[in-house]
Amino acid sequence: MTKLTPEERRRRQRSASMAWAKRNPERIAAIKRRYNETHREENAAYNKTRKMQNSEHVREMKRNWAKNNHARAMMQRVRVRLKALGVPEEVVRMATADQYQRIFTDQHGGCAICGAHHGNTVATRLCIDHNHVTGELRGLLCRRCNTAIGYFGDSSAIIKHVIAYLKLHAEYESDEAAERRRKVLEALAIDASTTSRVVRQKRLGSRER
């Protein structure tokens, strides 16, 4: 019988271990769980040190993953926010990439408020809007609309005042200002022609008075 070298012995043992692990995935998972539970602090310290030593590489990997898995990345951030708000765990678990895709399809890939379509840049990427009390996902909004309703505290009463304010001042709008506003609305994918027609009618009515 040929005597094995130390390197050949190690390769044979490694192959046998891998074959056993492949045949017993549940036992391997249980072993890993037990190890992680009993070495939680050591693992956390090791991961923290490794991230610090490879910070740029880790950030680049995260950016690439988020770019290639937009729906999953968005839902992960939503779950973190919902947990911080104390939303029940069963509601948090409902925030999945499949749910994002269903909402995205229902909205035809556009913002639920202004209709602006999803893009690959941060400014044009659709955000997930949710109720900050119940955790219920309400829809997908562009960054502008999501930021706007956040500043207004999700208050429909305040937004009604904003609409009334804009309508009041639109009556005295100059032609140059109306053209600038029309271009802004077009950029936001809103039907600017209807809005401009209403403003022109109001302006003419105020002049006749």
Protein backbone atom coordinates (compact mmCIF):
# COMPACT_ATOMS: atom_id res chain seq x y z
CA MET A 1 0.00 0.00 0.00
CA THR A 2 1.38 3.35 -1.09
CA LYS A 3 1.95 5.73 1.77
CA LEU A 4 0.17 9.06 1.31
CA THR A 5 2.03 12.31 1.62
CA PRO A 6 0.73 14.88 4.17
CA GLU A 7 -0.65 17.04 1.34
CA GLU A 8 -2.49 14.09 -0.26
CA ARG A 9 -3.89 13.14 3.15
CA ARG A 10 -5.22 16.66 3.67
CA ARG A 11 -6.84 16.68 0.22
CA ARG A 12 -8.52 13.33 0.88
CA GLN A 13 -9.82 14.48 4.27
CA ARG A 14 -11.10 17.73 2.74
CA SER A 15 -12.91 15.83 -0.03
CA ALA A 16 -14.49 13.46 2.52
CA SER A 17 -15.62 16.39 4.69
CA MET A 18 -17.16 18.22 1.71
CA ALA A 19 -18.98 15.07 0.62
CA TRP A 20 -20.36 14.56 4.14
CA ALA A 21 -21.48 18.21 4.32
CA LYS A 22 -23.24 17.87 0.98
CA ARG A 23 -25.15 14.82 2.24
CA ASN A 24 -26.10 16.51 5.53
CA PRO A 25 -27.04 20.16 4.86
CA GLU A 26 -29.45 20.35 7.83
CA ARG A 27 -26.81 19.19 10.32
CA ILE A 28 -24.32 21.68 8.88
CA ALA A 29 -26.86 24.49 9.26
CA ALA A 30 -27.52 23.46 12.88
CA ILE A 31 -23.77 23.41 13.63
CA LYS A 32 -23.37 26.91 12.14
CA ARG A 33 -26.32 28.22 14.15
CA ARG A 34 -24.91 26.84 17.41
CA TYR A 35 -21.48 28.30 16.64
CA ASN A 36 -22.89 31.73 15.79
CA GLU A 37 -25.00 31.77 18.97
CA THR A 38 -22.03 30.92 21.21
CA HIS A 39 -19.53 33.19 19.40
CA ARG A 40 -21.73 36.21 18.72
CA GLU A 41 -19.35 38.80 20.18
CA GLU A 42 -16.29 37.28 18.50
CA ASN A 43 -18.05 37.22 15.13
CA ALA A 44 -19.18 40.84 15.52
CA ALA A 45 -15.63 41.96 16.39
CA TYR A 46 -14.15 40.00 13.48
CA ASN A 47 -16.68 41.38 10.98
CA LYS A 48 -16.14 44.94 12.23
CA THR A 49 -12.35 44.63 11.88
CA ARG A 50 -12.65 43.07 8.45
CA LYS A 51 -15.00 45.83 7.24
CA MET A 52 -12.62 48.51 8.53
CA GLN A 53 -9.66 46.90 6.80
CA ASN A 54 -11.58 46.51 3.53
CA SER A 55 -13.98 49.44 3.84
CA GLU A 56 -13.76 50.64 0.23
CA HIS A 57 -14.08 47.11 -1.16
CA VAL A 58 -17.10 46.42 1.09
CA ARG A 59 -18.80 49.69 0.04
CA GLU A 60 -18.20 48.92 -3.62
CA MET A 61 -19.68 45.43 -3.23
CA LYS A 62 -22.75 46.87 -1.49
CA ARG A 63 -23.22 49.51 -4.19
CA ASN A 64 -22.98 46.93 -6.96
CA TRP A 65 -25.37 44.56 -5.21
CA ALA A 66 -27.93 47.35 -4.60
CA LYS A 67 -27.63 48.46 -8.22
CA ASN A 68 -28.24 44.94 -9.54
CA ASN A 69 -30.92 44.10 -6.95
CA HIS A 70 -32.86 47.36 -6.69
CA ALA A 71 -36.14 45.89 -5.42
CA ARG A 72 -34.49 43.74 -2.74
CA ALA A 73 -32.25 46.63 -1.62
CA MET A 74 -35.22 48.99 -1.33
CA MET A 75 -37.23 46.48 0.67
CA GLN A 76 -34.32 45.82 3.02
CA ARG A 77 -34.12 49.53 3.84
CA VAL A 78 -37.90 49.65 4.34
CA ARG A 79 -37.80 46.67 6.74
CA VAL A 80 -35.08 48.38 8.79
CA ARG A 81 -37.17 51.57 9.03
CA LEU A 82 -40.33 49.64 9.92
CA LYS A 83 -38.52 47.77 12.70
CA ALA A 84 -37.19 51.07 14.06
CA LEU A 85 -40.77 52.38 14.13
CA GLY A 86 -41.90 49.38 16.16
CA VAL A 87 -44.13 47.95 13.41
CA PRO A 88 -45.29 44.34 14.11
CA GLU A 89 -42.97 41.67 12.75
CA GLU A 90 -45.68 40.09 10.57
CA VAL A 91 -46.10 43.43 8.74
CA VAL A 92 -42.32 43.81 8.33
CA ARG A 93 -42.07 40.35 6.75
CA MET A 94 -44.63 41.34 4.12
CA ALA A 95 -42.19 43.92 2.67
CA THR A 96 -40.62 41.71 0.00
CA ALA A 97 -39.10 42.24 -3.43
CA ASP A 98 -42.13 40.49 -4.98
CA GLN A 99 -44.45 43.06 -3.42
CA TYR A 100 -42.27 45.88 -4.79
CA GLN A 101 -42.49 44.34 -8.27
CA ARG A 102 -46.28 44.03 -8.05
CA ILE A 103 -46.65 47.70 -7.10
CA PHE A 104 -44.14 48.70 -9.80
CA THR A 105 -46.17 46.81 -12.43
CA ASP A 106 -49.50 48.22 -11.22
CA GLN A 107 -48.09 51.77 -11.51
CA HIS A 108 -46.64 51.03 -14.97
CA GLY A 109 -43.15 51.84 -13.69
CA GLY A 110 -44.03 55.43 -12.75
CA CYS A 111 -44.50 57.59 -9.67
CA ALA A 112 -47.99 57.23 -8.14
CA ILE A 113 -48.32 61.03 -7.88
CA CYS A 114 -46.62 62.72 -10.85
CA GLY A 115 -46.10 59.70 -13.14
CA ALA A 116 -42.33 60.24 -13.52
CA HIS A 117 -40.76 56.96 -14.65
CA HIS A 118 -38.14 55.00 -12.75
CA GLY A 119 -34.53 55.61 -13.77
CA ASN A 120 -31.10 54.29 -12.84
CA THR A 121 -29.88 57.43 -11.08
CA VAL A 122 -30.50 58.30 -7.44
CA ALA A 123 -32.59 61.34 -8.44
CA THR A 124 -34.93 59.34 -10.71
CA ARG A 125 -35.15 56.13 -8.67
CA LEU A 126 -38.58 55.32 -7.25
CA CYS A 127 -38.88 55.29 -3.45
CA ILE A 128 -41.19 53.12 -1.36
CA ASP A 129 -43.80 55.19 0.46
CA HIS A 130 -45.26 53.66 3.62
CA ASN A 131 -47.52 54.63 6.48
CA HIS A 132 -45.24 55.56 9.38
CA VAL A 133 -47.76 54.33 11.96
CA THR A 134 -49.07 51.03 10.57
CA GLY A 135 -46.14 50.19 8.26
CA GLU A 136 -48.52 49.63 5.34
CA LEU A 137 -46.85 50.14 1.94
CA ARG A 138 -48.82 52.76 0.01
CA GLY A 139 -47.00 52.95 -3.31
CA LEU A 140 -43.86 53.99 -5.19
CA LEU A 141 -42.99 57.67 -5.47
CA CYS A 142 -40.22 59.59 -7.21
CA ARG A 143 -37.71 61.28 -4.91
CA ARG A 144 -39.31 64.72 -5.35
CA CYS A 145 -42.84 63.60 -4.43
CA ASN A 146 -41.65 61.38 -1.59
CA THR A 147 -39.62 64.24 -0.11
CA ALA A 148 -42.50 66.69 -0.57
CA ILE A 149 -45.13 64.69 1.30
CA GLY A 150 -42.54 63.96 3.98
CA TYR A 151 -41.97 67.68 4.53
CA PHE A 152 -45.75 68.17 4.68
CA GLY A 153 -45.98 65.48 7.38
CA ASP A 154 -48.28 63.30 5.23
CA SER A 155 -51.00 65.86 6.00
CA SER A 156 -53.70 66.18 3.33
CA ALA A 157 -54.94 69.33 5.09
CA ILE A 158 -51.58 71.07 4.61
CA ILE A 159 -51.40 69.94 0.99
CA LYS A 160 -54.88 71.43 0.37
CA HIS A 161 -53.58 74.75 1.70
CA VAL A 162 -50.59 74.46 -0.64
CA ILE A 163 -52.92 73.90 -3.62
CA ALA A 164 -55.07 76.86 -2.64
CA TYR A 165 -51.96 79.04 -2.26
CA LEU A 166 -50.61 78.08 -5.70
CA LYS A 167 -54.01 78.63 -7.33
CA LEU A 168 -54.30 82.05 -5.73
CA HIS A 169 -50.93 83.23 -7.03
CA ALA A 170 -51.35 81.53 -10.42
CA GLU A 171 -54.07 84.08 -11.25
CA TYR A 172 -51.44 86.85 -11.29
CA GLU A 173 -48.74 84.84 -13.02
CA SER A 174 -46.83 86.49 -15.89
CA ASP A 175 -46.51 84.78 -19.27
CA GLU A 176 -42.79 84.20 -18.63
CA ALA A 177 -43.47 82.62 -15.23
CA ALA A 178 -46.25 80.47 -16.73
CA GLU A 179 -43.80 79.17 -19.37
CA ARG A 180 -41.19 78.35 -16.72
CA ARG A 181 -43.79 76.50 -14.66
CA ARG A 182 -45.00 74.60 -17.72
CA LYS A 183 -41.46 73.34 -18.38
CA VAL A 184 -41.07 72.26 -14.77
CA LEU A 185 -44.36 70.35 -14.91
CA GLU A 186 -43.32 68.66 -18.15
CA ALA A 187 -40.08 67.59 -16.48
CA LEU A 188 -42.16 66.08 -13.69
CA ALA A 189 -44.29 64.21 -16.25
CA ILE A 190 -47.49 66.12 -15.30
CA ASP A 191 -50.08 67.11 -17.89
CA ALA A 192 -48.96 70.72 -18.18
CA SER A 193 -51.35 71.66 -20.99
CA THR A 194 -54.46 71.20 -18.81
CA THR A 195 -52.90 73.10 -15.90
CA SER A 196 -51.77 75.99 -18.12
CA ARG A 197 -55.23 76.26 -19.72
CA VAL A 198 -56.88 76.60 -16.31
CA VAL A 199 -54.37 79.29 -15.30
CA ARG A 200 -54.92 81.25 -18.54
CA GLN A 201 -58.68 81.16 -18.02
CA LYS A 202 -58.28 82.46 -14.47
CA ARG A 203 -55.93 85.22 -15.64
CA LEU A 204 -58.36 86.34 -18.34
CA GLY A 205 -61.24 86.30 -15.85
CA SER A 206 -59.29 88.47 -13.39
CA ARG A 207 -58.43 90.96 -16.14
CA GLU A 208 -62.10 91.22 -17.20
CA ARG A 209 -63.05 91.99 -13.57
